[in-house]
C-alpha atoms as a PDB file:
ATOM      1  CA  MET A   1       6.844 111.576 108.803  1.00  0.00           C
ATOM      2  CA  LYS A   2       7.668 109.468 111.888  1.00  0.00           C
ATOM      3  CA  ALA A   3       7.873 106.330 109.741  1.00  0.00           C
ATOM      4  CA  LEU A   4      10.578 108.013 107.663  1.00  0.00           C
ATOM      5  CA  MET A   5      12.612 109.174 110.674  1.00  0.00           C
ATOM      6  CA  LEU A   6      13.768 105.722 111.832  1.00  0.00           C
ATOM      7  CA  PRO A   7      15.290 104.639 108.492  1.00  0.00           C
ATOM      8  CA  VAL A   8      16.959 108.037 108.109  1.00  0.00           C
ATOM      9  CA  LEU A   9      18.433 107.856 111.624  1.00  0.00           C
ATOM     10  CA  LEU A  10      19.637 104.289 111.056  1.00  0.00           C
ATOM     11  CA  TRP A  11      21.258 105.254 107.758  1.00  0.00           C
ATOM     12  CA  TRP A  12      22.879 108.312 109.360  1.00  0.00           C
ATOM     13  CA  SER A  13      24.346 106.304 112.254  1.00  0.00           C
ATOM     14  CA  CYS A  14      25.675 103.610 109.891  1.00  0.00           C
ATOM     15  CA  ALA A  15      27.196 106.204 107.568  1.00  0.00           C
ATOM     16  CA  GLY A  16      28.860 107.908 110.526  1.00  0.00           C
ATOM     17  CA  THR A  17      30.289 104.624 111.751  1.00  0.00           C
ATOM     18  CA  ILE A  18      31.684 103.765 108.324  1.00  0.00           C
ATOM     19  CA  TRP A  19      33.205 107.243 108.005  1.00  0.00           C
ATOM     20  CA  ALA A  20      34.826 107.016 111.449  1.00  0.00           C
ATOM     21  CA  ALA A  21      36.253 103.574 110.688  1.00  0.00           C
ATOM     22  CA  ASN A  22      38.000 104.959 107.599  1.00  0.00           C
ATOM     23  CA  GLU A  23      39.429 108.029 109.332  1.00  0.00           C
ATOM     24  CA  PRO A  24      43.056 107.981 110.484  1.00  0.00           C
ATOM     25  CA  ASP A  25      43.545 107.534 114.184  1.00  0.00           C
ATOM     26  CA  ALA A  26      42.903 110.543 116.361  1.00  0.00           C
ATOM     27  CA  PRO A  27      45.974 111.872 118.214  1.00  0.00           C
ATOM     28  CA  GLY A  28      44.826 110.378 121.518  1.00  0.00           C
ATOM     29  CA  ARG A  29      44.321 106.955 119.983  1.00  0.00           C
ATOM     30  CA  THR A  30      47.744 107.102 118.316  1.00  0.00           C
ATOM     31  CA  LEU A  31      49.394 108.000 121.628  1.00  0.00           C
ATOM     32  CA  ALA A  32      47.517 105.263 123.468  1.00  0.00           C
ATOM     33  CA  LYS A  33      48.631 102.619 120.958  1.00  0.00           C
ATOM     34  CA  GLN A  34      52.219 103.361 121.943  1.00  0.00           C
ATOM     35  CA  MET A  35      51.444 101.897 125.366  1.00  0.00           C
ATOM     36  CA  ILE A  36      50.143  98.537 124.088  1.00  0.00           C
ATOM     37  CA  ARG A  37      52.400  95.567 124.648  1.00  0.00           C
ATOM     38  CA  GLU A  38      51.987  92.170 123.071  1.00  0.00           C
ATOM     39  CA  ASP A  39      53.815  90.261 125.827  1.00  0.00           C
ATOM     40  CA  HIS A  40      51.123  90.480 128.506  1.00  0.00           C
ATOM     41  CA  GLU A  41      52.829  87.898 130.729  1.00  0.00           C
ATOM     42  CA  LEU A  42      55.791  90.232 131.246  1.00  0.00           C
ATOM     43  CA  TRP A  43      53.520  92.773 132.954  1.00  0.00           C
ATOM     44  CA  ILE A  44      52.813  90.343 135.800  1.00  0.00           C
ATOM     45  CA  THR A  45      55.457  90.705 138.505  1.00  0.00           C
ATOM     46  CA  ALA A  46      53.656  89.088 141.448  1.00  0.00           C
ATOM     47  CA  ASP A  47      50.856  86.650 142.224  1.00  0.00           C
ATOM     48  CA  HIS A  48      48.531  88.995 144.073  1.00  0.00           C
ATOM     49  CA  SER A  49      46.363  86.096 145.276  1.00  0.00           C
ATOM     50  CA  LYS A  50      49.183  85.276 147.732  1.00  0.00           C
ATOM     51  CA  PHE A  51      49.123  88.634 149.563  1.00  0.00           C
ATOM     52  CA  LYS A  52      47.342  88.417 152.917  1.00  0.00           C
ATOM     53  CA  GLN A  53      46.324  92.112 152.878  1.00  0.00           C
ATOM     54  CA  LEU A  54      44.328  91.489 149.688  1.00  0.00           C
ATOM     55  CA  GLN A  55      42.398  88.491 151.073  1.00  0.00           C
ATOM     56  CA  GLN A  56      39.444  90.548 152.304  1.00  0.00           C
ATOM     57  CA  PRO A  57      36.318  92.155 150.906  1.00  0.00           C
ATOM     58  CA  PHE A  58      36.741  95.803 149.963  1.00  0.00           C
ATOM     59  CA  ALA A  59      33.820  98.209 150.282  1.00  0.00           C
ATOM     60  CA  SER A  60      35.151 100.863 147.916  1.00  0.00           C
ATOM     61  CA  GLY A  61      37.706 101.671 145.257  1.00  0.00           C
ATOM     62  CA  PRO A  62      39.736 103.914 147.579  1.00  0.00           C
ATOM     63  CA  GLN A  63      40.117 100.991 150.028  1.00  0.00           C
ATOM     64  CA  VAL A  64      41.570  98.870 147.234  1.00  0.00           C
ATOM     65  CA  THR A  65      43.907 101.710 146.246  1.00  0.00           C
ATOM     66  CA  ARG A  66      45.145 102.063 149.842  1.00  0.00           C
ATOM     67  CA  ALA A  67      45.835  98.317 149.992  1.00  0.00           C
ATOM     68  CA  CYS A  68      47.766  98.489 146.711  1.00  0.00           C
ATOM     69  CA  LEU A  69      49.814 101.499 147.796  1.00  0.00           C
ATOM     70  CA  GLY A  70      50.821  99.584 150.934  1.00  0.00           C
ATOM     71  CA  CYS A  71      53.251  97.613 148.742  1.00  0.00           C
ATOM     72  CA  HIS A  72      53.450  99.710 145.595  1.00  0.00           C
ATOM     73  CA  THR A  73      54.722 102.783 147.425  1.00  0.00           C
ATOM     74  CA  GLU A  74      55.902 104.626 144.301  1.00  0.00           C
ATOM     75  CA  ALA A  75      52.915 103.766 142.108  1.00  0.00           C
ATOM     76  CA  ALA A  76      51.196 107.141 142.435  1.00  0.00           C
ATOM     77  CA  VAL A  77      54.335 109.046 141.433  1.00  0.00           C
ATOM     78  CA  GLN A  78      54.968 106.639 138.556  1.00  0.00           C
ATOM     79  CA  PHE A  79      51.359 106.873 137.350  1.00  0.00           C
ATOM     80  CA  HIS A  80      51.568 110.648 137.223  1.00  0.00           C
ATOM     81  CA  LYS A  81      54.472 110.260 134.774  1.00  0.00           C
ATOM     82  CA  THR A  82      52.501 108.044 132.358  1.00  0.00           C
ATOM     83  CA  ILE A  83      50.820 109.125 129.149  1.00  0.00           C
ATOM     84  CA  HIS A  84      47.518 109.306 131.079  1.00  0.00           C
ATOM     85  CA  TRP A  85      48.791 112.430 132.842  1.00  0.00           C
ATOM     86  CA  THR A  86      51.439 113.788 130.465  1.00  0.00           C
ATOM     87  CA  TRP A  87      49.790 113.876 127.042  1.00  0.00           C
ATOM     88  CA  LYS A  88      49.475 117.044 125.026  1.00  0.00           C
ATOM     89  CA  ASP A  89      47.535 117.570 121.824  1.00  0.00           C
ATOM     90  CA  PRO A  90      50.070 117.462 118.982  1.00  0.00           C
ATOM     91  CA  SER A  91      47.764 119.531 116.762  1.00  0.00           C
ATOM     92  CA  ASP A  92      47.796 122.449 119.232  1.00  0.00           C
ATOM     93  CA  ALA A  93      50.432 124.922 118.034  1.00  0.00           C
ATOM     94  CA  SER A  94      50.805 126.436 121.515  1.00  0.00           C
ATOM     95  CA  GLY A  95      51.576 123.025 123.048  1.00  0.00           C
ATOM     96  CA  LYS A  96      49.292 123.770 125.985  1.00  0.00           C
ATOM     97  CA  ILE A  97      46.188 121.649 125.353  1.00  0.00           C
ATOM     98  CA  GLY A  98      46.124 118.236 127.020  1.00  0.00           C
ATOM     99  CA  LYS A  99      46.284 116.614 130.427  1.00  0.00           C
ATOM    100  CA  ALA A 100      49.789 118.042 130.982  1.00  0.00           C
ATOM    101  CA  GLY A 101      48.628 121.515 129.993  1.00  0.00           C
ATOM    102  CA  ILE A 102      45.192 123.064 129.832  1.00  0.00           C
ATOM    103  CA  THR A 103      42.938 120.143 130.647  1.00  0.00           C
ATOM    104  CA  LEU A 104      39.706 119.818 128.743  1.00  0.00           C
ATOM    105  CA  ASN A 105      38.375 116.776 130.582  1.00  0.00           C
ATOM    106  CA  ASN A 106      39.682 116.235 134.095  1.00  0.00           C
ATOM    107  CA  PHE A 107      37.827 113.357 135.731  1.00  0.00           C
END
């Protein structure tokens, strides 16, 4: 019985992967693709290696965030207006499910 389980599990995982690859994009993936830009160079507005306040070791993520917000003073407000915070599930008829409504996964 155990010898049969491994091939069955392998087949099942491969079949699931093939099925998922052929499925249309999920709403979240479709929304995220709207944010992709091909011109990556245009995103760079400064050479951060030249900023003195960044030339130090950081012990934690929050320390890095504080250093960033020292110059990017409106970044938090701007981030809260991005798709990361404002999405709603288009398949929800009530229009309430999503990060901007009833959050299912709030990390």
